[in-house]
Amino acid sequence: MSEITDELRQEAEQTGDAYFPAECIEQNDVHHVHHVHKTENGQAAEKQDIEKQVATINSVIERAKENPGLYASSEFIEAMKFIREHDDESWFTLRCQIRRYKPDGVLLADIDDATRRTE
C-alpha cells in the first residue's frame, strides 16, 4: 500500500495535481460510482430497477390528476420509498413533479411522511 501511495504522490507532483492521501485509500462506498446504489441488504440496485420505479411514479402522477387517491396507493408509496432510498437525484426531480401536478387537496408533507427513509 505504501508503494502505491508513493507512486501516486510522485505522479501528482509530476502532473501538478493535488495529492490527497485520504483519497488513495480503497473506497467501498458505491455512491461514488454512477448508477450503482446499495440496497438495505448491501446489494447494488440495478439501473433498470430504478427506472422501473421511476416509471411507476410517473404513471401515478399522470393518473392521479383524475384519481388523487393513487398518491396513497401501496404501488406509489413503495416506489417512492425505493427511489428515496437509492437515487437522490430522481427523488428530488420526482418530488418537484408531484408538487407541480398534484391536486390542491393532496399535501406534499403527507407524501413525504409516507415515504420517509427508515434508518
PDB file of N, CA and C in Angstrom:
ATOM      1  N   MET A   1       0.827  -1.193   0.000  1.00  0.00           N
ATOM      2  CA  MET A   1       0.000   0.000   0.000  1.00  0.00           C
ATOM      3  C   MET A   1       0.869   1.253   0.000  1.00  0.00           C
ATOM      4  N   SER A   2       1.951   1.206   0.750  1.00  0.00           N
ATOM      5  CA  SER A   2       2.843   2.354   0.828  1.00  0.00           C
ATOM      6  C   SER A   2       3.480   2.648  -0.525  1.00  0.00           C
ATOM      7  N   GLU A   3       3.820   1.595  -1.266  1.00  0.00           N
ATOM      8  CA  GLU A   3       4.412   1.787  -2.591  1.00  0.00           C
ATOM      9  C   GLU A   3       3.426   2.475  -3.525  1.00  0.00           C
ATOM     10  N   ILE A   4       2.165   2.067  -3.470  1.00  0.00           N
ATOM     11  CA  ILE A   4       1.133   2.671  -4.315  1.00  0.00           C
ATOM     12  C   ILE A   4       0.960   4.141  -3.953  1.00  0.00           C
ATOM     13  N   THR A   5       0.934   4.418  -2.654  1.00  0.00           N
ATOM     14  CA  THR A   5       0.784   5.791  -2.189  1.00  0.00           C
ATOM     15  C   THR A   5       1.954   6.650  -2.666  1.00  0.00           C
ATOM     16  N   ASP A   6       3.176   6.098  -2.568  1.00  0.00           N
ATOM     17  CA  ASP A   6       4.355   6.832  -3.022  1.00  0.00           C
ATOM     18  C   ASP A   6       4.284   7.103  -4.524  1.00  0.00           C
ATOM     19  N   GLU A   7       3.837   6.091  -5.302  1.00  0.00           N
ATOM     20  CA  GLU A   7       3.705   6.265  -6.746  1.00  0.00           C
ATOM     21  C   GLU A   7       2.684   7.358  -7.074  1.00  0.00           C
ATOM     22  N   LEU A   8       1.577   7.357  -6.373  1.00  0.00           N
ATOM     23  CA  LEU A   8       0.547   8.365  -6.610  1.00  0.00           C
ATOM     24  C   LEU A   8       1.047   9.766  -6.249  1.00  0.00           C
ATOM     25  N   ARG A   9       1.808   9.857  -5.161  1.00  0.00           N
ATOM     26  CA  ARG A   9       2.362  11.148  -4.749  1.00  0.00           C
ATOM     27  C   ARG A   9       3.327  11.659  -5.820  1.00  0.00           C
ATOM     28  N   GLN A  10       4.188  10.778  -6.327  1.00  0.00           N
ATOM     29  CA  GLN A  10       5.148  11.177  -7.358  1.00  0.00           C
ATOM     30  C   GLN A  10       4.431  11.604  -8.639  1.00  0.00           C
ATOM     31  N   GLU A  11       3.406  10.847  -9.024  1.00  0.00           N
ATOM     32  CA  GLU A  11       2.650  11.191 -10.226  1.00  0.00           C
ATOM     33  C   GLU A  11       1.972  12.547 -10.072  1.00  0.00           C
ATOM     34  N   ALA A  12       1.427  12.805  -8.883  1.00  0.00           N
ATOM     35  CA  ALA A  12       0.767  14.092  -8.629  1.00  0.00           C
ATOM     36  C   ALA A  12       1.776  15.232  -8.705  1.00  0.00           C
ATOM     37  N   GLU A  13       2.967  15.014  -8.190  1.00  0.00           N
ATOM     38  CA  GLU A  13       3.996  16.051  -8.240  1.00  0.00           C
ATOM     39  C   GLU A  13       4.413  16.338  -9.684  1.00  0.00           C
ATOM     40  N   GLN A  14       4.491  15.295 -10.512  1.00  0.00           N
ATOM     41  CA  GLN A  14       4.908  15.461 -11.905  1.00  0.00           C
ATOM     42  C   GLN A  14       3.842  16.175 -12.731  1.00  0.00           C
ATOM     43  N   THR A  15       2.567  15.880 -12.461  1.00  0.00           N
ATOM     44  CA  THR A  15       1.487  16.461 -13.261  1.00  0.00           C
ATOM     45  C   THR A  15       0.979  17.772 -12.688  1.00  0.00           C
ATOM     46  N   GLY A  16       1.381  18.083 -11.467  1.00  0.00           N
ATOM     47  CA  GLY A  16       0.914  19.313 -10.839  1.00  0.00           C
ATOM     48  C   GLY A  16      -0.440  19.168 -10.171  1.00  0.00           C
ATOM     49  N   ASP A  17      -0.973  17.934 -10.135  1.00  0.00           N
ATOM     50  CA  ASP A  17      -2.249  17.698  -9.478  1.00  0.00           C
ATOM     51  C   ASP A  17      -2.076  17.709  -7.962  1.00  0.00           C
ATOM     52  N   ALA A  18      -3.168  17.980  -7.284  1.00  0.00           N
ATOM     53  CA  ALA A  18      -3.142  17.932  -5.824  1.00  0.00           C
ATOM     54  C   ALA A  18      -3.082  16.474  -5.378  1.00  0.00           C
ATOM     55  N   TYR A  19      -2.406  16.221  -4.292  1.00  0.00           N
ATOM     56  CA  TYR A  19      -2.299  14.867  -3.743  1.00  0.00           C
ATOM     57  C   TYR A  19      -2.991  14.847  -2.394  1.00  0.00           C
ATOM     58  N   PHE A  20      -3.966  13.978  -2.261  1.00  0.00           N
ATOM     59  CA  PHE A  20      -4.692  13.837  -1.008  1.00  0.00           C
ATOM     60  C   PHE A  20      -4.617  12.378  -0.582  1.00  0.00           C
ATOM     61  N   PRO A  21      -3.797  12.048   0.402  1.00  0.00           N
ATOM     62  CA  PRO A  21      -3.617  10.651   0.802  1.00  0.00           C
ATOM     63  C   PRO A  21      -4.936   9.956   1.168  1.00  0.00           C
ATOM     64  N   ALA A  22      -5.885  10.654   1.723  1.00  0.00           N
ATOM     65  CA  ALA A  22      -7.149  10.022   2.110  1.00  0.00           C
ATOM     66  C   ALA A  22      -7.893   9.489   0.889  1.00  0.00           C
ATOM     67  N   GLU A  23      -7.691  10.117  -0.272  1.00  0.00           N
ATOM     68  CA  GLU A  23      -8.359   9.670  -1.479  1.00  0.00           C
ATOM     69  C   GLU A  23      -7.700   8.435  -2.077  1.00  0.00           C
ATOM     70  N   CYS A  24      -6.523   8.089  -1.597  1.00  0.00           N
ATOM     71  CA  CYS A  24      -5.804   6.945  -2.143  1.00  0.00           C
ATOM     72  C   CYS A  24      -6.229   5.640  -1.493  1.00  0.00           C
ATOM     73  N   ILE A  25      -6.993   5.718  -0.461  1.00  0.00           N
ATOM     74  CA  ILE A  25      -7.472   4.522   0.220  1.00  0.00           C
ATOM     75  C   ILE A  25      -8.596   3.916  -0.598  1.00  0.00           C
ATOM     76  N   GLU A  26      -8.632   2.600  -0.663  1.00  0.00           N
ATOM     77  CA  GLU A  26      -9.673   1.916  -1.425  1.00  0.00           C
ATOM     78  C   GLU A  26     -11.050   2.303  -0.905  1.00  0.00           C
ATOM     79  N   GLN A  27     -11.957   2.606  -1.811  1.00  0.00           N
ATOM     80  CA  GLN A  27     -13.308   3.032  -1.452  1.00  0.00           C
ATOM     81  C   GLN A  27     -14.291   1.881  -1.591  1.00  0.00           C
ATOM     82  N   ASN A  28     -15.137   1.700  -0.600  1.00  0.00           N
ATOM     83  CA  ASN A  28     -16.201   0.701  -0.664  1.00  0.00           C
ATOM     84  C   ASN A  28     -17.568   1.354  -0.747  1.00  0.00           C
ATOM     85  N   ASP A  29     -17.606   2.652  -0.779  1.00  0.00           N
ATOM     86  CA  ASP A  29     -18.867   3.382  -0.837  1.00  0.00           C
ATOM     87  C   ASP A  29     -19.311   3.487  -2.285  1.00  0.00           C
ATOM     88  N   VAL A  30     -20.299   2.681  -2.695  1.00  0.00           N
ATOM     89  CA  VAL A  30     -20.689   2.638  -4.097  1.00  0.00           C
ATOM     90  C   VAL A  30     -21.396   3.900  -4.550  1.00  0.00           C
ATOM     91  N   HIS A  31     -21.726   4.818  -3.666  1.00  0.00           N
ATOM     92  CA  HIS A  31     -22.355   6.058  -4.090  1.00  0.00           C
ATOM     93  C   HIS A  31     -21.379   6.955  -4.849  1.00  0.00           C
ATOM     94  N   HIS A  32     -20.085   6.585  -4.826  1.00  0.00           N
ATOM     95  CA  HIS A  32     -19.115   7.317  -5.629  1.00  0.00           C
ATOM     96  C   HIS A  32     -19.123   6.835  -7.074  1.00  0.00           C
ATOM     97  N   VAL A  33     -19.847   5.757  -7.362  1.00  0.00           N
ATOM     98  CA  VAL A  33     -19.913   5.185  -8.697  1.00  0.00           C
ATOM     99  C   VAL A  33     -21.273   5.509  -9.277  1.00  0.00           C
ATOM    100  N   HIS A  34     -21.312   6.054 -10.487  1.00  0.00           N
ATOM    101  CA  HIS A  34     -22.558   6.478 -11.109  1.00  0.00           C
ATOM    102  C   HIS A  34     -23.462   5.282 -11.409  1.00  0.00           C
ATOM    103  N   HIS A  35     -24.741   5.400 -11.080  1.00  0.00           N
ATOM    104  CA  HIS A  35     -25.778   4.404 -11.351  1.00  0.00           C
ATOM    105  C   HIS A  35     -25.617   3.104 -10.573  1.00  0.00           C
ATOM    106  N   VAL A  36     -24.904   3.109  -9.463  1.00  0.00           N
ATOM    107  CA  VAL A  36     -24.825   1.934  -8.605  1.00  0.00           C
ATOM    108  C   VAL A  36     -25.205   2.393  -7.213  1.00  0.00           C
ATOM    109  N   HIS A  37     -26.210   1.764  -6.635  1.00  0.00           N
ATOM    110  CA  HIS A  37     -26.704   2.164  -5.331  1.00  0.00           C
ATOM    111  C   HIS A  37     -26.886   0.938  -4.464  1.00  0.00           C
ATOM    112  N   LYS A  38     -26.514   1.039  -3.191  1.00  0.00           N
ATOM    113  CA  LYS A  38     -26.673  -0.087  -2.281  1.00  0.00           C
ATOM    114  C   LYS A  38     -28.113  -0.212  -1.822  1.00  0.00           C
ATOM    115  N   THR A  39     -28.567  -1.455  -1.691  1.00  0.00           N
ATOM    116  CA  THR A  39     -29.868  -1.714  -1.105  1.00  0.00           C
ATOM    117  C   THR A  39     -29.673  -1.948   0.377  1.00  0.00           C
ATOM    118  N   GLU A  40     -30.753  -2.173   1.106  1.00  0.00           N
ATOM    119  CA  GLU A  40     -30.662  -2.361   2.555  1.00  0.00           C
ATOM    120  C   GLU A  40     -29.803  -3.563   2.912  1.00  0.00           C
ATOM    121  N   ASN A  41     -29.804  -4.614   2.080  1.00  0.00           N
ATOM    122  CA  ASN A  41     -29.009  -5.799   2.391  1.00  0.00           C
ATOM    123  C   ASN A  41     -27.616  -5.724   1.774  1.00  0.00           C
ATOM    124  N   GLY A  42     -27.225  -4.551   1.262  1.00  0.00           N
ATOM    125  CA  GLY A  42     -25.886  -4.354   0.754  1.00  0.00           C
ATOM    126  C   GLY A  42     -25.714  -4.676  -0.719  1.00  0.00           C
ATOM    127  N   GLN A  43     -26.747  -5.162  -1.380  1.00  0.00           N
ATOM    128  CA  GLN A  43     -26.654  -5.459  -2.796  1.00  0.00           C
ATOM    129  C   GLN A  43     -26.893  -4.181  -3.594  1.00  0.00           C
ATOM    130  N   ALA A  44     -26.331  -4.130  -4.771  1.00  0.00           N
ATOM    131  CA  ALA A  44     -26.492  -2.949  -5.616  1.00  0.00           C
ATOM    132  C   ALA A  44     -27.856  -2.948  -6.287  1.00  0.00           C
ATOM    133  N   ALA A  45     -28.492  -1.793  -6.293  1.00  0.00           N
ATOM    134  CA  ALA A  45     -29.759  -1.633  -7.013  1.00  0.00           C
ATOM    135  C   ALA A  45     -29.411  -1.380  -8.476  1.00  0.00           C
ATOM    136  N   GLU A  46     -29.984  -2.150  -9.360  1.00  0.00           N
ATOM    137  CA  GLU A  46     -29.707  -2.016 -10.781  1.00  0.00           C
ATOM    138  C   GLU A  46     -30.378  -0.765 -11.343  1.00  0.00           C
ATOM    139  N   LYS A  47     -29.767  -0.205 -12.366  1.00  0.00           N
ATOM    140  CA  LYS A  47     -30.319   0.964 -13.034  1.00  0.00           C
ATOM    141  C   LYS A  47     -31.737   0.669 -13.531  1.00  0.00           C
ATOM    142  N   GLN A  48     -31.959  -0.562 -14.014  1.00  0.00           N
ATOM    143  CA  GLN A  48     -33.276  -0.937 -14.512  1.00  0.00           C
ATOM    144  C   GLN A  48     -34.322  -0.929 -13.401  1.00  0.00           C
ATOM    145  N   ASP A  49     -33.924  -1.317 -12.178  1.00  0.00           N
ATOM    146  CA  ASP A  49     -34.853  -1.286 -11.042  1.00  0.00           C
ATOM    147  C   ASP A  49     -35.272   0.153 -10.748  1.00  0.00           C
ATOM    148  N   ILE A  50     -34.310   1.049 -10.796  1.00  0.00           N
ATOM    149  CA  ILE A  50     -34.593   2.459 -10.536  1.00  0.00           C
ATOM    150  C   ILE A  50     -35.502   3.007 -11.632  1.00  0.00           C
ATOM    151  N   GLU A  51     -35.186   2.683 -12.883  1.00  0.00           N
ATOM    152  CA  GLU A  51     -36.006   3.169 -13.996  1.00  0.00           C
ATOM    153  C   GLU A  51     -37.436   2.637 -13.914  1.00  0.00           C
ATOM    154  N   LYS A  52     -37.593   1.392 -13.480  1.00  0.00           N
ATOM    155  CA  LYS A  52     -38.930   0.800 -13.344  1.00  0.00           C
ATOM    156  C   LYS A  52     -39.741   1.546 -12.282  1.00  0.00           C
ATOM    157  N   GLN A  53     -39.110   1.866 -11.165  1.00  0.00           N
ATOM    158  CA  GLN A  53     -39.802   2.577 -10.089  1.00  0.00           C
ATOM    159  C   GLN A  53     -40.140   4.009 -10.510  1.00  0.00           C
ATOM    160  N   VAL A  54     -39.226   4.645 -11.238  1.00  0.00           N
ATOM    161  CA  VAL A  54     -39.493   5.998 -11.737  1.00  0.00           C
ATOM    162  C   VAL A  54     -40.685   5.972 -12.691  1.00  0.00           C
ATOM    163  N   ALA A  55     -40.744   4.961 -13.562  1.00  0.00           N
ATOM    164  CA  ALA A  55     -41.872   4.829 -14.489  1.00  0.00           C
ATOM    165  C   ALA A  55     -43.185   4.630 -13.731  1.00  0.00           C
ATOM    166  N   THR A  56     -43.151   3.841 -12.662  1.00  0.00           N
ATOM    167  CA  THR A  56     -44.340   3.634 -11.837  1.00  0.00           C
ATOM    168  C   THR A  56     -44.813   4.952 -11.240  1.00  0.00           C
ATOM    169  N   ILE A  57     -43.893   5.722 -10.712  1.00  0.00           N
ATOM    170  CA  ILE A  57     -44.231   7.004 -10.091  1.00  0.00           C
ATOM    171  C   ILE A  57     -44.781   7.978 -11.136  1.00  0.00           C
ATOM    172  N   ASN A  58     -44.136   8.045 -12.293  1.00  0.00           N
ATOM    173  CA  ASN A  58     -44.621   8.933 -13.357  1.00  0.00           C
ATOM    174  C   ASN A  58     -46.028   8.537 -13.800  1.00  0.00           C
ATOM    175  N   SER A  59     -46.298   7.253 -13.843  1.00  0.00           N
ATOM    176  CA  SER A  59     -47.639   6.781 -14.204  1.00  0.00           C
ATOM    177  C   SER A  59     -48.671   7.234 -13.172  1.00  0.00           C
ATOM    178  N   VAL A  60     -48.317   7.134 -11.899  1.00  0.00           N
ATOM    179  CA  VAL A  60     -49.230   7.576 -10.840  1.00  0.00           C
ATOM    180  C   VAL A  60     -49.457   9.080 -10.929  1.00  0.00           C
ATOM    181  N   ILE A  61     -48.395   9.850 -11.163  1.00  0.00           N
ATOM    182  CA  ILE A  61     -48.542  11.303 -11.281  1.00  0.00           C
ATOM    183  C   ILE A  61     -49.547  11.638 -12.381  1.00  0.00           C
ATOM    184  N   GLU A  62     -49.446  10.968 -13.497  1.00  0.00           N
ATOM    185  CA  GLU A  62     -50.351  11.217 -14.623  1.00  0.00           C
ATOM    186  C   GLU A  62     -51.786  10.790 -14.285  1.00  0.00           C
ATOM    187  N   ARG A  63     -51.935   9.591 -13.733  1.00  0.00           N
ATOM    188  CA  ARG A  63     -53.276   9.072 -13.441  1.00  0.00           C
ATOM    189  C   ARG A  63     -53.927   9.758 -12.249  1.00  0.00           C
ATOM    190  N   ALA A  64     -53.117  10.319 -11.342  1.00  0.00           N
ATOM    191  CA  ALA A  64     -53.656  10.952 -10.131  1.00  0.00           C
ATOM    192  C   ALA A  64     -54.347  12.273 -10.414  1.00  0.00           C
ATOM    193  N   LYS A  65     -54.183  12.803 -11.612  1.00  0.00           N
ATOM    194  CA  LYS A  65     -54.908  14.022 -11.971  1.00  0.00           C
ATOM    195  C   LYS A  65     -56.413  13.755 -11.914  1.00  0.00           C
ATOM    196  N   GLU A  66     -56.806  12.530 -12.261  1.00  0.00           N
ATOM    197  CA  GLU A  66     -58.214  12.124 -12.225  1.00  0.00           C
ATOM    198  C   GLU A  66     -58.565  11.371 -10.949  1.00  0.00           C
ATOM    199  N   ASN A  67     -57.563  10.766 -10.300  1.00  0.00           N
ATOM    200  CA  ASN A  67     -57.799   9.962  -9.103  1.00  0.00           C
ATOM    201  C   ASN A  67     -56.704  10.245  -8.072  1.00  0.00           C
ATOM    202  N   PRO A  68     -56.834  11.315  -7.282  1.00  0.00           N
ATOM    203  CA  PRO A  68     -55.790  11.710  -6.334  1.00  0.00           C
ATOM    204  C   PRO A  68     -55.469  10.657  -5.280  1.00  0.00           C
ATOM    205  N   GLY A  69     -56.389   9.721  -5.063  1.00  0.00           N
ATOM    206  CA  GLY A  69     -56.151   8.670  -4.081  1.00  0.00           C
ATOM    207  C   GLY A  69     -54.967   7.777  -4.422  1.00  0.00           C
ATOM    208  N   LEU A  70     -54.530   7.808  -5.671  1.00  0.00           N
ATOM    209  CA  LEU A  70     -53.383   6.992  -6.073  1.00  0.00           C
ATOM    210  C   LEU A  70     -52.103   7.385  -5.327  1.00  0.00           C
ATOM    211  N   TYR A  71     -52.047   8.621  -4.830  1.00  0.00           N
ATOM    212  CA  TYR A  71     -50.878   9.029  -4.053  1.00  0.00           C
ATOM    213  C   TYR A  71     -50.782   8.279  -2.724  1.00  0.00           C
ATOM    214  N   ALA A  72     -51.850   7.629  -2.317  1.00  0.00           N
ATOM    215  CA  ALA A  72     -51.829   6.829  -1.093  1.00  0.00           C
ATOM    216  C   ALA A  72     -51.732   5.337  -1.398  1.00  0.00           C
ATOM    217  N   SER A  73     -51.637   4.970  -2.669  1.00  0.00           N
ATOM    218  CA  SER A  73     -51.583   3.549  -3.033  1.00  0.00           C
ATOM    219  C   SER A  73     -50.248   2.930  -2.628  1.00  0.00           C
ATOM    220  N   SER A  74     -50.292   1.640  -2.327  1.00  0.00           N
ATOM    221  CA  SER A  74     -49.056   0.941  -1.955  1.00  0.00           C
ATOM    222  C   SER A  74     -48.069   0.929  -3.119  1.00  0.00           C
ATOM    223  N   GLU A  75     -48.570   0.869  -4.347  1.00  0.00           N
ATOM    224  CA  GLU A  75     -47.723   0.902  -5.541  1.00  0.00           C
ATOM    225  C   GLU A  75     -46.869   2.180  -5.542  1.00  0.00           C
ATOM    226  N   PHE A  76     -47.508   3.315  -5.302  1.00  0.00           N
ATOM    227  CA  PHE A  76     -46.824   4.600  -5.308  1.00  0.00           C
ATOM    228  C   PHE A  76     -45.885   4.735  -4.109  1.00  0.00           C
ATOM    229  N   ILE A  77     -46.388   4.414  -2.927  1.00  0.00           N
ATOM    230  CA  ILE A  77     -45.596   4.574  -1.695  1.00  0.00           C
ATOM    231  C   ILE A  77     -44.328   3.722  -1.759  1.00  0.00           C
ATOM    232  N   GLU A  78     -44.445   2.463  -2.165  1.00  0.00           N
ATOM    233  CA  GLU A  78     -43.275   1.578  -2.231  1.00  0.00           C
ATOM    234  C   GLU A  78     -42.272   2.066  -3.287  1.00  0.00           C
ATOM    235  N   ALA A  79     -42.765   2.519  -4.428  1.00  0.00           N
ATOM    236  CA  ALA A  79     -41.868   3.035  -5.468  1.00  0.00           C
ATOM    237  C   ALA A  79     -41.136   4.286  -4.976  1.00  0.00           C
ATOM    238  N   MET A  80     -41.851   5.184  -4.301  1.00  0.00           N
ATOM    239  CA  MET A  80     -41.222   6.400  -3.783  1.00  0.00           C
ATOM    240  C   MET A  80     -40.195   6.077  -2.698  1.00  0.00           C
ATOM    241  N   LYS A  81     -40.516   5.122  -1.828  1.00  0.00           N
ATOM    242  CA  LYS A  81     -39.544   4.724  -0.803  1.00  0.00           C
ATOM    243  C   LYS A  81     -38.271   4.185  -1.458  1.00  0.00           C
ATOM    244  N   PHE A  82     -38.447   3.358  -2.486  1.00  0.00           N
ATOM    245  CA  PHE A  82     -37.301   2.784  -3.183  1.00  0.00           C
ATOM    246  C   PHE A  82     -36.435   3.892  -3.795  1.00  0.00           C
ATOM    247  N   ILE A  83     -37.063   4.817  -4.487  1.00  0.00           N
ATOM    248  CA  ILE A  83     -36.313   5.910  -5.113  1.00  0.00           C
ATOM    249  C   ILE A  83     -35.665   6.799  -4.063  1.00  0.00           C
ATOM    250  N   ARG A  84     -36.388   7.083  -3.008  1.00  0.00           N
ATOM    251  CA  ARG A  84     -35.839   7.940  -1.950  1.00  0.00           C
ATOM    252  C   ARG A  84     -34.606   7.298  -1.321  1.00  0.00           C
ATOM    253  N   GLU A  85     -34.612   5.983  -1.225  1.00  0.00           N
ATOM    254  CA  GLU A  85     -33.504   5.245  -0.621  1.00  0.00           C
ATOM    255  C   GLU A  85     -32.313   5.113  -1.565  1.00  0.00           C
ATOM    256  N   HIS A  86     -32.554   5.037  -2.882  1.00  0.00           N
ATOM    257  CA  HIS A  86     -31.497   4.643  -3.799  1.00  0.00           C
ATOM    258  C   HIS A  86     -31.057   5.686  -4.816  1.00  0.00           C
ATOM    259  N   ASP A  87     -31.811   6.746  -5.012  1.00  0.00           N
ATOM    260  CA  ASP A  87     -31.441   7.688  -6.074  1.00  0.00           C
ATOM    261  C   ASP A  87     -31.919   9.095  -5.710  1.00  0.00           C
ATOM    262  N   ASP A  88     -31.060   9.833  -5.035  1.00  0.00           N
ATOM    263  CA  ASP A  88     -31.416  11.177  -4.567  1.00  0.00           C
ATOM    264  C   ASP A  88     -31.800  12.110  -5.709  1.00  0.00           C
ATOM    265  N   GLU A  89     -31.094  12.028  -6.814  1.00  0.00           N
ATOM    266  CA  GLU A  89     -31.386  12.913  -7.945  1.00  0.00           C
ATOM    267  C   GLU A  89     -32.811  12.687  -8.460  1.00  0.00           C
ATOM    268  N   SER A  90     -33.165  11.430  -8.657  1.00  0.00           N
ATOM    269  CA  SER A  90     -34.528  11.121  -9.118  1.00  0.00           C
ATOM    270  C   SER A  90     -35.555  11.512  -8.067  1.00  0.00           C
ATOM    271  N   TRP A  91     -35.227  11.307  -6.798  1.00  0.00           N
ATOM    272  CA  TRP A  91     -36.158  11.646  -5.719  1.00  0.00           C
ATOM    273  C   TRP A  91     -36.548  13.121  -5.785  1.00  0.00           C
ATOM    274  N   PHE A  92     -35.557  13.995  -5.878  1.00  0.00           N
ATOM    275  CA  PHE A  92     -35.853  15.430  -5.895  1.00  0.00           C
ATOM    276  C   PHE A  92     -36.590  15.839  -7.171  1.00  0.00           C
ATOM    277  N   THR A  93     -36.213  15.241  -8.287  1.00  0.00           N
ATOM    278  CA  THR A  93     -36.902  15.531  -9.550  1.00  0.00           C
ATOM    279  C   THR A  93     -38.365  15.130  -9.468  1.00  0.00           C
ATOM    280  N   LEU A  94     -38.612  13.923  -8.989  1.00  0.00           N
ATOM    281  CA  LEU A  94     -39.989  13.427  -8.883  1.00  0.00           C
ATOM    282  C   LEU A  94     -40.798  14.236  -7.872  1.00  0.00           C
ATOM    283  N   ARG A  95     -40.165  14.603  -6.775  1.00  0.00           N
ATOM    284  CA  ARG A  95     -40.871  15.384  -5.752  1.00  0.00           C
ATOM    285  C   ARG A  95     -41.341  16.722  -6.331  1.00  0.00           C
ATOM    286  N   CYS A  96     -40.492  17.341  -7.144  1.00  0.00           N
ATOM    287  CA  CYS A  96     -40.876  18.608  -7.792  1.00  0.00           C
ATOM    288  C   CYS A  96     -42.012  18.388  -8.788  1.00  0.00           C
ATOM    289  N   GLN A  97     -41.975  17.285  -9.504  1.00  0.00           N
ATOM    290  CA  GLN A  97     -43.068  16.974 -10.434  1.00  0.00           C
ATOM    291  C   GLN A  97     -44.375  16.758  -9.680  1.00  0.00           C
ATOM    292  N   ILE A  98     -44.307  16.049  -8.575  1.00  0.00           N
ATOM    293  CA  ILE A  98     -45.515  15.813  -7.770  1.00  0.00           C
ATOM    294  C   ILE A  98     -46.073  17.140  -7.284  1.00  0.00           C
ATOM    295  N   ARG A  99     -45.201  18.003  -6.769  1.00  0.00           N
ATOM    296  CA  ARG A  99     -45.661  19.303  -6.271  1.00  0.00           C
ATOM    297  C   ARG A  99     -46.345  20.100  -7.379  1.00  0.00           C
ATOM    298  N   ARG A 100     -45.815  20.020  -8.580  1.00  0.00           N
ATOM    299  CA  ARG A 100     -46.362  20.768  -9.707  1.00  0.00           C
ATOM    300  C   ARG A 100     -47.722  20.223 -10.153  1.00  0.00           C
ATOM    301  N   TYR A 101     -47.899  18.906 -10.151  1.00  0.00           N
ATOM    302  CA  TYR A 101     -49.094  18.306 -10.757  1.00  0.00           C
ATOM    303  C   TYR A 101     -50.141  17.789  -9.780  1.00  0.00           C
ATOM    304  N   LYS A 102     -49.831  17.705  -8.509  1.00  0.00           N
ATOM    305  CA  LYS A 102     -50.796  17.145  -7.553  1.00  0.00           C
ATOM    306  C   LYS A 102     -51.991  18.082  -7.379  1.00  0.00           C
ATOM    307  N   PRO A 103     -53.155  17.520  -7.083  1.00  0.00           N
ATOM    308  CA  PRO A 103     -54.316  18.365  -6.777  1.00  0.00           C
ATOM    309  C   PRO A 103     -54.087  19.127  -5.466  1.00  0.00           C
ATOM    310  N   ASP A 104     -54.780  20.224  -5.292  1.00  0.00           N
ATOM    311  CA  ASP A 104     -54.611  21.063  -4.099  1.00  0.00           C
ATOM    312  C   ASP A 104     -54.883  20.317  -2.796  1.00  0.00           C
ATOM    313  N   GLY A 105     -55.778  19.355  -2.805  1.00  0.00           N
ATOM    314  CA  GLY A 105     -56.131  18.634  -1.580  1.00  0.00           C
ATOM    315  C   GLY A 105     -55.101  17.617  -1.128  1.00  0.00           C
ATOM    316  N   VAL A 106     -54.105  17.334  -1.953  1.00  0.00           N
ATOM    317  CA  VAL A 106     -53.050  16.374  -1.607  1.00  0.00           C
ATOM    318  C   VAL A 106     -51.871  17.163  -1.046  1.00  0.00           C
ATOM    319  N   LEU A 107     -51.512  16.871   0.193  1.00  0.00           N
ATOM    320  CA  LEU A 107     -50.406  17.587   0.841  1.00  0.00           C
ATOM    321  C   LEU A 107     -49.081  16.892   0.564  1.00  0.00           C
ATOM    322  N   LEU A 108     -48.109  17.648   0.106  1.00  0.00           N
ATOM    323  CA  LEU A 108     -46.786  17.096  -0.139  1.00  0.00           C
ATOM    324  C   LEU A 108     -46.171  16.578   1.158  1.00  0.00           C
ATOM    325  N   ALA A 109     -46.479  17.214   2.265  1.00  0.00           N
ATOM    326  CA  ALA A 109     -45.969  16.764   3.565  1.00  0.00           C
ATOM    327  C   ALA A 109     -46.459  15.349   3.887  1.00  0.00           C
ATOM    328  N   ASP A 110     -47.705  15.033   3.511  1.00  0.00           N
ATOM    329  CA  ASP A 110     -48.224  13.676   3.738  1.00  0.00           C
ATOM    330  C   ASP A 110     -47.468  12.654   2.895  1.00  0.00           C
ATOM    331  N   ILE A 111     -47.151  13.020   1.663  1.00  0.00           N
ATOM    332  CA  ILE A 111     -46.367  12.121   0.808  1.00  0.00           C
ATOM    333  C   ILE A 111     -44.962  11.950   1.398  1.00  0.00           C
ATOM    334  N   ASP A 112     -44.349  13.035   1.848  1.00  0.00           N
ATOM    335  CA  ASP A 112     -43.025  12.946   2.466  1.00  0.00           C
ATOM    336  C   ASP A 112     -43.048  12.034   3.687  1.00  0.00           C
ATOM    337  N   ASP A 113     -44.058  12.194   4.529  1.00  0.00           N
ATOM    338  CA  ASP A 113     -44.163  11.359   5.733  1.00  0.00           C
ATOM    339  C   ASP A 113     -44.310   9.876   5.375  1.00  0.00           C
ATOM    340  N   ALA A 114     -45.126   9.600   4.374  1.00  0.00           N
ATOM    341  CA  ALA A 114     -45.385   8.205   3.993  1.00  0.00           C
ATOM    342  C   ALA A 114     -44.174   7.544   3.350  1.00  0.00           C
ATOM    343  N   THR A 115     -43.284   8.343   2.779  1.00  0.00           N
ATOM    344  CA  THR A 115     -42.150   7.765   2.054  1.00  0.00           C
ATOM    345  C   THR A 115     -40.803   8.020   2.755  1.00  0.00           C
ATOM    346  N   ARG A 116     -40.862   8.470   3.993  1.00  0.00           N
ATOM    347  CA  ARG A 116     -39.637   8.793   4.720  1.00  0.00           C
ATOM    348  C   ARG A 116     -38.734   7.576   4.850  1.00  0.00           C
ATOM    349  N   ARG A 117     -37.426   7.810   4.764  1.00  0.00           N
ATOM    350  CA  ARG A 117     -36.434   6.745   4.921  1.00  0.00           C
ATOM    351  C   ARG A 117     -36.532   6.152   6.319  1.00  0.00           C
ATOM    352  N   THR A 118     -36.358   4.862   6.386  1.00  0.00           N
ATOM    353  CA  THR A 118     -36.319   4.189   7.689  1.00  0.00           C
ATOM    354  C   THR A 118     -34.880   3.807   7.973  1.00  0.00           C
ATOM    355  N   GLU A 119     -34.296   4.430   8.983  1.00  0.00           N
ATOM    356  CA  GLU A 119     -32.877   4.173   9.290  1.00  0.00           C
ATOM    357  C   GLU A 119     -32.725   3.720  10.708  1.00  0.00           C
TER     358      GLU A 119
END
